[in-house]
Amino acid sequence: MSTRREFLRGLGAAGIAAAAPSALWAEDGRRLLTATDVHVKDYPTVAAIEWIGQQLQQATGGRLGLRMYHSGQLGRESEAIDMARFGAIDITRVYSGALNNAFPLTQVLSLPYVFDSVAHLRRALDGGVGAQVLRGFASRELVGLAIYDCGARCFYNTRKPIRTPADMHGLKFRVPSSDIFMRMIRLLGGNPTPLAYGEVFSALQTHLIDGAENNLRSFHSSRQFEAAHYWSQSAHSYAPDVLLMSRRSFDSLRAGDRELLLDLARRSVTVMRQRWDESETSARAALVAAGVRMNECDLPAFRAAVAPLLSDYHRVPALEALYRDVRSLA
């Protein structure tokens, strides 16, 4: 992608890619933070991060600002994670499923049928569960700024309605690069195919895959519904998004600026949720108008099929403790 190449070329020319983040400060003391998201410009997470930038600029009199690279302009989420870890970018929004293998505590947030509803998820994220997960990113040169919930993840495909796990047998489903999601699809009878988010639309069109799983808002904003006309309300996961910052970039800020950024990140969750709730309603209406066929699922059958997956993770003490905390809030 040309934007990403131009961005990295600029970093290299300035000697920034291998330098400390303090090299990004202008001579007059101003600094423009960089942020990335694979979602489109009007997506709720993008809007929330842009809100952080606006508030930063106002609170510091323009001394701090933020430039948002949306729509995957700087590459895939996996690339953004590494770029943040090494200080090439400052902030990135990443789907928690893409973090499962490197950051074990995020696995609890992604496991199937851990959360009963959006309200249950938000109670967990706003309390000790969310705080513990965010602290876990410190182990690999990242700062967890906030967690953005993003609704129920459900299955959609190009072939037929999915009402029970038997309907998934033999179908190829895109999954993120997460062991949890790959095994979940296998237990449900499907064939998991790891792909980057930006490759899903063309994979559906060319029949490289038969379907995928995601939230309703992403299904709509990515226009994947133009290729996949069947949406099945499996609500198998409520895996949220995480807002991360480079530890190097964070530490290079003044103490007061670090506190300001953390406060704004926490407050941006409310901004994101308001945008999310409004846009999810309008997205559902648009999908129905476009002819997408929506059906309910046999949820007890889905829960029974993935039970072995949950059992394995219960054997990990740290995950089991966090799981119990989550379920206590149901």
C-alpha atoms as a PDB file:
ATOM      1  CA  MET A   1       0.000   0.000   0.000  1.00  0.00           C
ATOM      2  CA  SER A   2       1.512   3.308  -1.121  1.00  0.00           C
ATOM      3  CA  THR A   3       0.573   5.246   2.013  1.00  0.00           C
ATOM      4  CA  ARG A   4       2.378   2.719   4.202  1.00  0.00           C
ATOM      5  CA  ARG A   5       5.467   2.738   1.967  1.00  0.00           C
ATOM      6  CA  GLU A   6       5.545   6.537   1.966  1.00  0.00           C
ATOM      7  CA  PHE A   7       5.136   6.636   5.753  1.00  0.00           C
ATOM      8  CA  LEU A   8       7.957   4.151   6.373  1.00  0.00           C
ATOM      9  CA  ARG A   9      10.175   5.896   3.799  1.00  0.00           C
ATOM     10  CA  GLY A  10       9.648   9.131   5.672  1.00  0.00           C
ATOM     11  CA  LEU A  11      10.603   7.485   8.952  1.00  0.00           C
ATOM     12  CA  GLY A  12      13.730   6.059   7.414  1.00  0.00           C
ATOM     13  CA  ALA A  13      14.746   9.360   5.829  1.00  0.00           C
ATOM     14  CA  ALA A  14      14.371  11.100   9.169  1.00  0.00           C
ATOM     15  CA  GLY A  15      16.236   8.341  11.005  1.00  0.00           C
ATOM     16  CA  ILE A  16      13.166   7.828  13.159  1.00  0.00           C
ATOM     17  CA  ALA A  17      12.482   4.133  12.696  1.00  0.00           C
ATOM     18  CA  ALA A  18      15.501   3.194  14.771  1.00  0.00           C
ATOM     19  CA  ALA A  19      15.608   6.290  16.966  1.00  0.00           C
ATOM     20  CA  ALA A  20      13.994   7.122  20.262  1.00  0.00           C
ATOM     21  CA  PRO A  21      10.489   8.626  20.012  1.00  0.00           C
ATOM     22  CA  SER A  22      11.873  11.906  21.353  1.00  0.00           C
ATOM     23  CA  ALA A  23      13.307  12.425  17.857  1.00  0.00           C
ATOM     24  CA  LEU A  24       9.739  12.993  16.712  1.00  0.00           C
ATOM     25  CA  TRP A  25       9.476  16.234  18.668  1.00  0.00           C
ATOM     26  CA  ALA A  26       9.655  19.404  16.576  1.00  0.00           C
ATOM     27  CA  GLU A  27      12.092  22.139  17.553  1.00  0.00           C
ATOM     28  CA  ASP A  28       9.263  24.275  18.963  1.00  0.00           C
ATOM     29  CA  GLY A  29       8.227  21.467  21.332  1.00  0.00           C
ATOM     30  CA  ARG A  30       5.173  20.406  19.327  1.00  0.00           C
ATOM     31  CA  ARG A  31       4.489  16.778  18.552  1.00  0.00           C
ATOM     32  CA  LEU A  32       2.119  15.000  16.196  1.00  0.00           C
ATOM     33  CA  LEU A  33       1.295  11.469  17.335  1.00  0.00           C
ATOM     34  CA  THR A  34       0.472   8.853  14.688  1.00  0.00           C
ATOM     35  CA  ALA A  35      -2.470   6.472  15.067  1.00  0.00           C
ATOM     36  CA  THR A  36      -3.715   3.601  12.873  1.00  0.00           C
ATOM     37  CA  ASP A  37      -6.896   1.589  12.346  1.00  0.00           C
ATOM     38  CA  VAL A  38      -7.900  -0.826   9.590  1.00  0.00           C
ATOM     39  CA  HIS A  39     -11.493   0.420   9.711  1.00  0.00           C
ATOM     40  CA  VAL A  40     -12.992   3.133   7.506  1.00  0.00           C
ATOM     41  CA  LYS A  41     -13.113   6.828   8.385  1.00  0.00           C
ATOM     42  CA  ASP A  42     -16.602   6.940   9.918  1.00  0.00           C
ATOM     43  CA  TYR A  43     -16.151   3.755  11.988  1.00  0.00           C
ATOM     44  CA  PRO A  44     -16.780   4.259  15.743  1.00  0.00           C
ATOM     45  CA  THR A  45     -13.237   3.348  16.814  1.00  0.00           C
ATOM     46  CA  VAL A  46     -11.745   5.743  14.266  1.00  0.00           C
ATOM     47  CA  ALA A  47     -14.078   8.496  15.476  1.00  0.00           C
ATOM     48  CA  ALA A  48     -13.086   7.843  19.100  1.00  0.00           C
ATOM     49  CA  ILE A  49      -9.361   8.067  18.336  1.00  0.00           C
ATOM     50  CA  GLU A  50      -9.873  11.256  16.342  1.00  0.00           C
ATOM     51  CA  TRP A  51     -11.765  12.641  19.348  1.00  0.00           C
ATOM     52  CA  ILE A  52      -8.701  11.909  21.503  1.00  0.00           C
ATOM     53  CA  GLY A  53      -6.592  13.894  19.038  1.00  0.00           C
ATOM     54  CA  GLN A  54      -8.970  16.848  19.084  1.00  0.00           C
ATOM     55  CA  GLN A  55      -9.031  16.899  22.883  1.00  0.00           C
ATOM     56  CA  LEU A  56      -5.240  16.602  23.080  1.00  0.00           C
ATOM     57  CA  GLN A  57      -4.824  19.571  20.796  1.00  0.00           C
ATOM     58  CA  GLN A  58      -7.283  21.704  22.765  1.00  0.00           C
ATOM     59  CA  ALA A  59      -5.893  20.757  26.180  1.00  0.00           C
ATOM     60  CA  THR A  60      -2.273  21.465  25.201  1.00  0.00           C
ATOM     61  CA  GLY A  61      -2.864  24.548  23.088  1.00  0.00           C
ATOM     62  CA  GLY A  62      -1.741  22.702  19.974  1.00  0.00           C
ATOM     63  CA  ARG A  63       1.488  21.409  21.513  1.00  0.00           C
ATOM     64  CA  LEU A  64       0.241  17.817  21.077  1.00  0.00           C
ATOM     65  CA  GLY A  65      -1.827  16.546  18.188  1.00  0.00           C
ATOM     66  CA  LEU A  66      -2.693  13.288  16.447  1.00  0.00           C
ATOM     67  CA  ARG A  67      -2.821  12.158  12.845  1.00  0.00           C
ATOM     68  CA  MET A  68      -5.150   9.253  12.097  1.00  0.00           C
ATOM     69  CA  TYR A  69      -4.340   6.728   9.376  1.00  0.00           C
ATOM     70  CA  HIS A  70      -7.623   4.858   8.890  1.00  0.00           C
ATOM     71  CA  SER A  71      -8.753   2.209   6.377  1.00  0.00           C
ATOM     72  CA  GLY A  72      -5.579   0.157   6.788  1.00  0.00           C
ATOM     73  CA  GLN A  73      -3.393   2.832   5.188  1.00  0.00           C
ATOM     74  CA  LEU A  74      -0.371   1.660   7.175  1.00  0.00           C
ATOM     75  CA  GLY A  75      -0.983  -2.053   6.738  1.00  0.00           C
ATOM     76  CA  ARG A  76      -2.525  -4.947   8.608  1.00  0.00           C
ATOM     77  CA  GLU A  77      -3.213  -5.122  12.331  1.00  0.00           C
ATOM     78  CA  SER A  78      -0.337  -7.564  12.869  1.00  0.00           C
ATOM     79  CA  GLU A  79       2.018  -5.077  11.224  1.00  0.00           C
ATOM     80  CA  ALA A  80       0.616  -2.207  13.283  1.00  0.00           C
ATOM     81  CA  ILE A  81       1.269  -4.113  16.518  1.00  0.00           C
ATOM     82  CA  ASP A  82       4.933  -4.566  15.629  1.00  0.00           C
ATOM     83  CA  MET A  83       5.266  -0.976  14.449  1.00  0.00           C
ATOM     84  CA  ALA A  84       3.918   0.234  17.791  1.00  0.00           C
ATOM     85  CA  ARG A  85       6.152  -2.106  19.792  1.00  0.00           C
ATOM     86  CA  PHE A  86       9.234  -0.693  18.086  1.00  0.00           C
ATOM     87  CA  GLY A  87       8.085   2.933  18.172  1.00  0.00           C
ATOM     88  CA  ALA A  88       7.541   3.432  14.427  1.00  0.00           C
ATOM     89  CA  ILE A  89       3.960   4.504  15.182  1.00  0.00           C
ATOM     90  CA  ASP A  90       2.492   5.767  18.429  1.00  0.00           C
ATOM     91  CA  ILE A  91      -1.056   4.408  18.745  1.00  0.00           C
ATOM     92  CA  THR A  92      -3.041   1.603  17.115  1.00  0.00           C
ATOM     93  CA  ARG A  93      -6.475   0.060  17.504  1.00  0.00           C
ATOM     94  CA  VAL A  94      -6.351  -3.725  17.251  1.00  0.00           C
ATOM     95  CA  TYR A  95      -8.945  -6.481  17.434  1.00  0.00           C
ATOM     96  CA  SER A  96      -8.312  -8.594  20.530  1.00  0.00           C
ATOM     97  CA  GLY A  97      -8.427 -11.850  18.535  1.00  0.00           C
ATOM     98  CA  ALA A  98      -5.222 -10.765  16.796  1.00  0.00           C
ATOM     99  CA  LEU A  99      -3.596 -10.390  20.234  1.00  0.00           C
ATOM    100  CA  ASN A 100      -4.562 -13.768  21.714  1.00  0.00           C
ATOM    101  CA  ASN A 101      -1.368 -15.656  20.992  1.00  0.00           C
ATOM    102  CA  ALA A 102       1.043 -12.942  22.167  1.00  0.00           C
ATOM    103  CA  PHE A 103      -0.985 -11.644  25.121  1.00  0.00           C
ATOM    104  CA  PRO A 104      -2.651 -14.586  26.916  1.00  0.00           C
ATOM    105  CA  LEU A 105      -5.006 -12.550  29.111  1.00  0.00           C
ATOM    106  CA  THR A 106      -6.861 -11.359  25.992  1.00  0.00           C
ATOM    107  CA  GLN A 107      -7.880 -14.970  25.387  1.00  0.00           C
ATOM    108  CA  VAL A 108     -10.595 -14.758  28.035  1.00  0.00           C
ATOM    109  CA  LEU A 109     -12.184 -11.868  26.140  1.00  0.00           C
ATOM    110  CA  SER A 110     -12.253 -13.901  22.923  1.00  0.00           C
ATOM    111  CA  LEU A 111     -13.394 -17.317  24.111  1.00  0.00           C
ATOM    112  CA  PRO A 112     -16.830 -18.405  22.868  1.00  0.00           C
ATOM    113  CA  TYR A 113     -19.894 -17.802  25.033  1.00  0.00           C
ATOM    114  CA  VAL A 114     -18.011 -16.185  27.925  1.00  0.00           C
ATOM    115  CA  PHE A 115     -20.187 -13.060  27.788  1.00  0.00           C
ATOM    116  CA  ASP A 116     -23.976 -13.124  27.772  1.00  0.00           C
ATOM    117  CA  SER A 117     -24.614  -9.693  26.295  1.00  0.00           C
ATOM    118  CA  VAL A 118     -23.102  -6.316  25.460  1.00  0.00           C
ATOM    119  CA  ALA A 119     -24.134  -5.063  28.902  1.00  0.00           C
ATOM    120  CA  HIS A 120     -22.273  -7.970  30.546  1.00  0.00           C
ATOM    121  CA  LEU A 121     -19.186  -7.286  28.438  1.00  0.00           C
ATOM    122  CA  ARG A 122     -19.189  -3.595  29.334  1.00  0.00           C
ATOM    123  CA  ARG A 123     -19.441  -4.316  33.042  1.00  0.00           C
ATOM    124  CA  ALA A 124     -16.345  -6.502  32.791  1.00  0.00           C
ATOM    125  CA  LEU A 125     -14.345  -4.084  30.650  1.00  0.00           C
ATOM    126  CA  ASP A 126     -15.152  -1.112  32.875  1.00  0.00           C
ATOM    127  CA  GLY A 127     -13.978  -2.883  36.031  1.00  0.00           C
ATOM    128  CA  GLY A 128     -11.134  -5.045  37.262  1.00  0.00           C
ATOM    129  CA  VAL A 129     -11.216  -7.450  34.311  1.00  0.00           C
ATOM    130  CA  GLY A 130     -10.521  -4.702  31.798  1.00  0.00           C
ATOM    131  CA  ALA A 131      -7.840  -3.135  33.992  1.00  0.00           C
ATOM    132  CA  GLN A 132      -6.028  -6.454  34.372  1.00  0.00           C
ATOM    133  CA  VAL A 133      -6.027  -7.113  30.634  1.00  0.00           C
ATOM    134  CA  LEU A 134      -4.682  -3.625  29.902  1.00  0.00           C
ATOM    135  CA  ARG A 135      -1.827  -4.092  32.384  1.00  0.00           C
ATOM    136  CA  GLY A 136      -0.816  -7.279  30.571  1.00  0.00           C
ATOM    137  CA  PHE A 137       0.424  -5.365  27.520  1.00  0.00           C
ATOM    138  CA  ALA A 138       3.370  -3.967  29.479  1.00  0.00           C
ATOM    139  CA  SER A 139       5.158  -7.296  29.019  1.00  0.00           C
ATOM    140  CA  ARG A 140       5.915  -6.509  25.377  1.00  0.00           C
ATOM    141  CA  GLU A 141       6.681  -2.805  25.115  1.00  0.00           C
ATOM    142  CA  LEU A 142       3.068  -1.633  24.814  1.00  0.00           C
ATOM    143  CA  VAL A 143       0.714   0.452  26.938  1.00  0.00           C
ATOM    144  CA  GLY A 144      -2.941  -0.562  27.072  1.00  0.00           C
ATOM    145  CA  LEU A 145      -4.910   2.682  26.781  1.00  0.00           C
ATOM    146  CA  ALA A 146      -8.501   1.481  26.509  1.00  0.00           C
ATOM    147  CA  ILE A 147     -10.754  -1.363  25.421  1.00  0.00           C
ATOM    148  CA  TYR A 148     -13.528  -0.647  22.897  1.00  0.00           C
ATOM    149  CA  ASP A 149     -16.363  -3.173  22.876  1.00  0.00           C
ATOM    150  CA  CYS A 150     -17.788  -3.978  19.474  1.00  0.00           C
ATOM    151  CA  GLY A 151     -20.911  -6.068  19.781  1.00  0.00           C
ATOM    152  CA  ALA A 152     -21.583  -9.730  19.172  1.00  0.00           C
ATOM    153  CA  ARG A 153     -19.573 -11.588  16.559  1.00  0.00           C
ATOM    154  CA  CYS A 154     -21.710 -13.793  14.315  1.00  0.00           C
ATOM    155  CA  PHE A 155     -21.297 -15.976  11.226  1.00  0.00           C
ATOM    156  CA  TYR A 156     -22.092 -14.892   7.683  1.00  0.00           C
ATOM    157  CA  ASN A 157     -21.575 -16.726   4.418  1.00  0.00           C
ATOM    158  CA  THR A 158     -22.279 -16.937   0.710  1.00  0.00           C
ATOM    159  CA  ARG A 159     -24.108 -20.277   0.716  1.00  0.00           C
ATOM    160  CA  LYS A 160     -27.018 -20.732   3.147  1.00  0.00           C
ATOM    161  CA  PRO A 161     -28.512 -19.923   6.556  1.00  0.00           C
ATOM    162  CA  ILE A 162     -26.575 -21.378   9.487  1.00  0.00           C
ATOM    163  CA  ARG A 163     -28.882 -22.460  12.287  1.00  0.00           C
ATOM    164  CA  THR A 164     -26.934 -25.313  13.899  1.00  0.00           C
ATOM    165  CA  PRO A 165     -23.265 -26.377  13.826  1.00  0.00           C
ATOM    166  CA  ALA A 166     -24.215 -29.056  11.295  1.00  0.00           C
ATOM    167  CA  ASP A 167     -24.866 -26.274   8.761  1.00  0.00           C
ATOM    168  CA  MET A 168     -21.210 -25.257   8.971  1.00  0.00           C
ATOM    169  CA  HIS A 169     -19.778 -28.638   8.035  1.00  0.00           C
ATOM    170  CA  GLY A 170     -17.395 -28.416   5.114  1.00  0.00           C
ATOM    171  CA  LEU A 171     -17.585 -24.622   4.756  1.00  0.00           C
ATOM    172  CA  LYS A 172     -14.416 -22.500   4.757  1.00  0.00           C
ATOM    173  CA  PHE A 173     -14.511 -19.598   7.234  1.00  0.00           C
ATOM    174  CA  ARG A 174     -12.053 -16.748   7.579  1.00  0.00           C
ATOM    175  CA  VAL A 175     -10.617 -16.365  11.065  1.00  0.00           C
ATOM    176  CA  PRO A 176      -8.037 -13.993  12.567  1.00  0.00           C
ATOM    177  CA  SER A 177      -4.623 -15.423  13.411  1.00  0.00           C
ATOM    178  CA  SER A 178      -5.797 -16.793  16.744  1.00  0.00           C
ATOM    179  CA  ASP A 179      -5.621 -20.372  17.964  1.00  0.00           C
ATOM    180  CA  ILE A 180      -8.953 -19.873  19.749  1.00  0.00           C
ATOM    181  CA  PHE A 181     -10.868 -18.986  16.608  1.00  0.00           C
ATOM    182  CA  MET A 182      -9.211 -21.657  14.503  1.00  0.00           C
ATOM    183  CA  ARG A 183     -10.102 -24.405  16.945  1.00  0.00           C
ATOM    184  CA  MET A 184     -13.611 -23.002  17.457  1.00  0.00           C
ATOM    185  CA  ILE A 185     -14.344 -23.288  13.739  1.00  0.00           C
ATOM    186  CA  ARG A 186     -13.045 -26.859  13.673  1.00  0.00           C
ATOM    187  CA  LEU A 187     -15.228 -27.843  16.638  1.00  0.00           C
ATOM    188  CA  LEU A 188     -18.223 -26.390  14.814  1.00  0.00           C
ATOM    189  CA  GLY A 189     -17.431 -28.471  11.726  1.00  0.00           C
ATOM    190  CA  GLY A 190     -16.036 -25.718   9.500  1.00  0.00           C
ATOM    191  CA  ASN A 191     -12.616 -25.267   7.927  1.00  0.00           C
ATOM    192  CA  PRO A 192     -10.724 -22.263   9.377  1.00  0.00           C
ATOM    193  CA  THR A 193      -8.796 -20.033   6.963  1.00  0.00           C
ATOM    194  CA  PRO A 194      -6.612 -17.326   8.561  1.00  0.00           C
ATOM    195  CA  LEU A 195      -6.748 -14.094   6.572  1.00  0.00           C
ATOM    196  CA  ALA A 196      -6.149 -10.407   7.235  1.00  0.00           C
ATOM    197  CA  TYR A 197      -9.316  -8.339   7.626  1.00  0.00           C
ATOM    198  CA  GLY A 198      -8.644  -6.386   4.437  1.00  0.00           C
ATOM    199  CA  GLU A 199      -8.519  -9.577   2.355  1.00  0.00           C
ATOM    200  CA  VAL A 200     -11.923 -10.941   3.352  1.00  0.00           C
ATOM    201  CA  PHE A 201     -14.064  -9.154   0.746  1.00  0.00           C
ATOM    202  CA  SER A 202     -12.070 -10.399  -2.239  1.00  0.00           C
ATOM    203  CA  ALA A 203     -11.807 -13.876  -0.685  1.00  0.00           C
ATOM    204  CA  LEU A 204     -15.602 -14.040  -0.470  1.00  0.00           C
ATOM    205  CA  GLN A 205     -15.964 -12.802  -4.043  1.00  0.00           C
ATOM    206  CA  THR A 206     -13.501 -15.323  -5.453  1.00  0.00           C
ATOM    207  CA  HIS A 207     -14.834 -18.169  -3.264  1.00  0.00           C
ATOM    208  CA  LEU A 208     -11.484 -18.663  -1.569  1.00  0.00           C
ATOM    209  CA  ILE A 209     -13.683 -18.773   1.545  1.00  0.00           C
ATOM    210  CA  ASP A 210     -17.398 -19.419   2.024  1.00  0.00           C
ATOM    211  CA  GLY A 211     -17.871 -17.145   5.002  1.00  0.00           C
ATOM    212  CA  ALA A 212     -16.435 -15.334   7.974  1.00  0.00           C
ATOM    213  CA  GLU A 213     -17.367 -14.108  11.425  1.00  0.00           C
ATOM    214  CA  ASN A 214     -17.473 -10.547  12.685  1.00  0.00           C
ATOM    215  CA  ASN A 215     -19.729  -7.940  14.222  1.00  0.00           C
ATOM    216  CA  LEU A 216     -22.646  -6.414  12.356  1.00  0.00           C
ATOM    217  CA  ARG A 217     -21.066  -2.981  11.972  1.00  0.00           C
ATOM    218  CA  SER A 218     -17.902  -4.357  10.354  1.00  0.00           C
ATOM    219  CA  PHE A 219     -19.958  -6.641   8.096  1.00  0.00           C
ATOM    220  CA  HIS A 220     -21.709  -3.528   6.823  1.00  0.00           C
ATOM    221  CA  SER A 221     -18.843  -1.000   6.672  1.00  0.00           C
ATOM    222  CA  SER A 222     -16.551  -3.448   4.838  1.00  0.00           C
ATOM    223  CA  ARG A 223     -19.341  -4.086   2.312  1.00  0.00           C
ATOM    224  CA  GLN A 224     -18.776  -7.812   2.695  1.00  0.00           C
ATOM    225  CA  PHE A 225     -22.570  -8.189   2.651  1.00  0.00           C
ATOM    226  CA  GLU A 226     -22.419  -7.586  -1.091  1.00  0.00           C
ATOM    227  CA  ALA A 227     -20.756 -10.992  -1.434  1.00  0.00           C
ATOM    228  CA  ALA A 228     -22.174 -12.841   1.586  1.00  0.00           C
ATOM    229  CA  HIS A 229     -25.963 -12.638   1.792  1.00  0.00           C
ATOM    230  CA  TYR A 230     -26.582 -14.819   4.856  1.00  0.00           C
ATOM    231  CA  TRP A 231     -26.162 -13.508   8.404  1.00  0.00           C
ATOM    232  CA  SER A 232     -26.661 -15.952  11.303  1.00  0.00           C
ATOM    233  CA  GLN A 233     -27.013 -14.569  14.828  1.00  0.00           C
ATOM    234  CA  SER A 234     -24.663 -17.004  16.569  1.00  0.00           C
ATOM    235  CA  ALA A 235     -23.287 -14.374  19.004  1.00  0.00           C
ATOM    236  CA  HIS A 236     -20.433 -16.795  19.644  1.00  0.00           C
ATOM    237  CA  SER A 237     -17.969 -14.154  20.835  1.00  0.00           C
ATOM    238  CA  TYR A 238     -17.934 -10.577  22.088  1.00  0.00           C
ATOM    239  CA  ALA A 239     -14.178 -10.168  21.566  1.00  0.00           C
ATOM    240  CA  PRO A 240     -13.515  -6.420  21.833  1.00  0.00           C
ATOM    241  CA  ASP A 241     -10.966  -4.041  20.323  1.00  0.00           C
ATOM    242  CA  VAL A 242      -7.948  -2.701  22.203  1.00  0.00           C
ATOM    243  CA  LEU A 243      -6.307   0.724  21.922  1.00  0.00           C
ATOM    244  CA  LEU A 244      -2.545   0.341  22.341  1.00  0.00           C
ATOM    245  CA  MET A 245       0.383   2.739  22.484  1.00  0.00           C
ATOM    246  CA  SER A 246       4.092   2.268  22.010  1.00  0.00           C
ATOM    247  CA  ARG A 247       5.803   2.134  25.398  1.00  0.00           C
ATOM    248  CA  ARG A 248       8.703   4.124  23.964  1.00  0.00           C
ATOM    249  CA  SER A 249       6.359   6.841  22.717  1.00  0.00           C
ATOM    250  CA  PHE A 250       4.399   6.916  25.967  1.00  0.00           C
ATOM    251  CA  ASP A 251       7.511   7.202  28.129  1.00  0.00           C
ATOM    252  CA  SER A 252       8.841  10.035  25.970  1.00  0.00           C
ATOM    253  CA  LEU A 253       5.874  12.245  26.919  1.00  0.00           C
ATOM    254  CA  ARG A 254       5.910  14.569  29.895  1.00  0.00           C
ATOM    255  CA  ALA A 255       4.351  13.109  33.042  1.00  0.00           C
ATOM    256  CA  GLY A 256       1.372  15.459  32.803  1.00  0.00           C
ATOM    257  CA  ASP A 257       0.852  14.587  29.148  1.00  0.00           C
ATOM    258  CA  ARG A 258       0.887  10.881  29.956  1.00  0.00           C
ATOM    259  CA  GLU A 259      -1.847  11.387  32.539  1.00  0.00           C
ATOM    260  CA  LEU A 260      -3.836  13.501  30.096  1.00  0.00           C
ATOM    261  CA  LEU A 261      -3.599  10.867  27.371  1.00  0.00           C
ATOM    262  CA  LEU A 262      -4.666   8.065  29.713  1.00  0.00           C
ATOM    263  CA  ASP A 263      -7.639  10.121  30.896  1.00  0.00           C
ATOM    264  CA  LEU A 264      -8.705  10.959  27.347  1.00  0.00           C
ATOM    265  CA  ALA A 265      -8.380   7.321  26.292  1.00  0.00           C
ATOM    266  CA  ARG A 266     -10.679   6.240  29.133  1.00  0.00           C
ATOM    267  CA  ARG A 267     -13.181   8.950  28.255  1.00  0.00           C
ATOM    268  CA  SER A 268     -13.060   8.016  24.565  1.00  0.00           C
ATOM    269  CA  VAL A 269     -14.736   4.708  25.427  1.00  0.00           C
ATOM    270  CA  THR A 270     -18.005   6.566  26.008  1.00  0.00           C
ATOM    271  CA  VAL A 271     -17.587   8.380  22.692  1.00  0.00           C
ATOM    272  CA  MET A 272     -16.987   5.087  20.904  1.00  0.00           C
ATOM    273  CA  ARG A 273     -19.957   3.358  22.523  1.00  0.00           C
ATOM    274  CA  GLN A 274     -22.365   6.120  21.632  1.00  0.00           C
ATOM    275  CA  ARG A 275     -21.222   6.021  18.006  1.00  0.00           C
ATOM    276  CA  TRP A 276     -21.341   2.239  18.057  1.00  0.00           C
ATOM    277  CA  ASP A 277     -24.888   1.927  19.373  1.00  0.00           C
ATOM    278  CA  GLU A 278     -26.186   4.462  16.877  1.00  0.00           C
ATOM    279  CA  SER A 279     -24.363   3.014  13.874  1.00  0.00           C
ATOM    280  CA  GLU A 280     -25.186  -0.618  14.668  1.00  0.00           C
ATOM    281  CA  THR A 281     -28.891   0.161  14.516  1.00  0.00           C
ATOM    282  CA  SER A 282     -28.570   1.956  11.181  1.00  0.00           C
ATOM    283  CA  ALA A 283     -26.281  -0.779   9.800  1.00  0.00           C
ATOM    284  CA  ARG A 284     -28.833  -3.480  10.592  1.00  0.00           C
ATOM    285  CA  ALA A 285     -31.556  -1.534   8.788  1.00  0.00           C
ATOM    286  CA  ALA A 286     -29.287  -1.017   5.781  1.00  0.00           C
ATOM    287  CA  LEU A 287     -28.422  -4.708   5.605  1.00  0.00           C
ATOM    288  CA  VAL A 288     -32.068  -5.743   5.685  1.00  0.00           C
ATOM    289  CA  ALA A 289     -32.830  -3.199   2.961  1.00  0.00           C
ATOM    290  CA  ALA A 290     -29.977  -4.643   0.878  1.00  0.00           C
ATOM    291  CA  GLY A 291     -31.559  -8.087   1.011  1.00  0.00           C
ATOM    292  CA  VAL A 292     -29.299  -9.787   3.559  1.00  0.00           C
ATOM    293  CA  ARG A 293     -31.128 -12.786   5.022  1.00  0.00           C
ATOM    294  CA  MET A 294     -30.878 -12.855   8.802  1.00  0.00           C
ATOM    295  CA  ASN A 295     -31.721 -15.815  11.014  1.00  0.00           C
ATOM    296  CA  GLU A 296     -31.483 -16.887  14.656  1.00  0.00           C
ATOM    297  CA  CYS A 297     -29.335 -19.855  15.725  1.00  0.00           C
ATOM    298  CA  ASP A 298     -29.687 -22.803  18.044  1.00  0.00           C
ATOM    299  CA  LEU A 299     -27.414 -21.307  20.710  1.00  0.00           C
ATOM    300  CA  PRO A 300     -27.463 -24.326  23.082  1.00  0.00           C
ATOM    301  CA  ALA A 301     -26.174 -26.469  20.217  1.00  0.00           C
ATOM    302  CA  PHE A 302     -23.363 -24.013  19.502  1.00  0.00           C
ATOM    303  CA  ARG A 303     -22.405 -23.789  23.183  1.00  0.00           C
ATOM    304  CA  ALA A 304     -22.292 -27.591  23.455  1.00  0.00           C
ATOM    305  CA  ALA A 305     -20.086 -27.888  20.356  1.00  0.00           C
ATOM    306  CA  VAL A 306     -17.429 -25.486  21.636  1.00  0.00           C
ATOM    307  CA  ALA A 307     -17.469 -26.709  25.261  1.00  0.00           C
ATOM    308  CA  PRO A 308     -14.188 -28.681  24.838  1.00  0.00           C
ATOM    309  CA  LEU A 309     -12.421 -25.450  23.887  1.00  0.00           C
ATOM    310  CA  LEU A 310     -13.520 -23.736  27.076  1.00  0.00           C
ATOM    311  CA  SER A 311     -12.526 -26.756  29.148  1.00  0.00           C
ATOM    312  CA  ASP A 312      -8.930 -26.555  27.938  1.00  0.00           C
ATOM    313  CA  TYR A 313      -8.575 -22.893  28.891  1.00  0.00           C
ATOM    314  CA  HIS A 314     -10.092 -23.532  32.320  1.00  0.00           C
ATOM    315  CA  ARG A 315      -6.953 -25.531  33.091  1.00  0.00           C
ATOM    316  CA  VAL A 316      -4.781 -22.375  32.936  1.00  0.00           C
ATOM    317  CA  PRO A 317      -4.918 -20.808  36.432  1.00  0.00           C
ATOM    318  CA  ALA A 318      -4.578 -17.152  35.379  1.00  0.00           C
ATOM    319  CA  LEU A 319      -7.250 -17.514  32.701  1.00  0.00           C
ATOM    320  CA  GLU A 320      -9.573 -19.468  34.968  1.00  0.00           C
ATOM    321  CA  ALA A 321      -9.363 -16.738  37.630  1.00  0.00           C
ATOM    322  CA  LEU A 322     -10.145 -14.044  35.074  1.00  0.00           C
ATOM    323  CA  TYR A 323     -12.975 -16.157  33.634  1.00  0.00           C
ATOM    324  CA  ARG A 324     -14.544 -16.464  37.092  1.00  0.00           C
ATOM    325  CA  ASP A 325     -14.359 -12.693  37.502  1.00  0.00           C
ATOM    326  CA  VAL A 326     -16.124 -12.255  34.158  1.00  0.00           C
ATOM    327  CA  ARG A 327     -18.864 -14.748  34.973  1.00  0.00           C
ATOM    328  CA  SER A 328     -19.450 -13.172  38.402  1.00  0.00           C
ATOM    329  CA  LEU A 329     -20.628 -10.069  36.535  1.00  0.00           C
ATOM    330  CA  ALA A 330     -23.173 -11.907  34.362  1.00  0.00           C
END
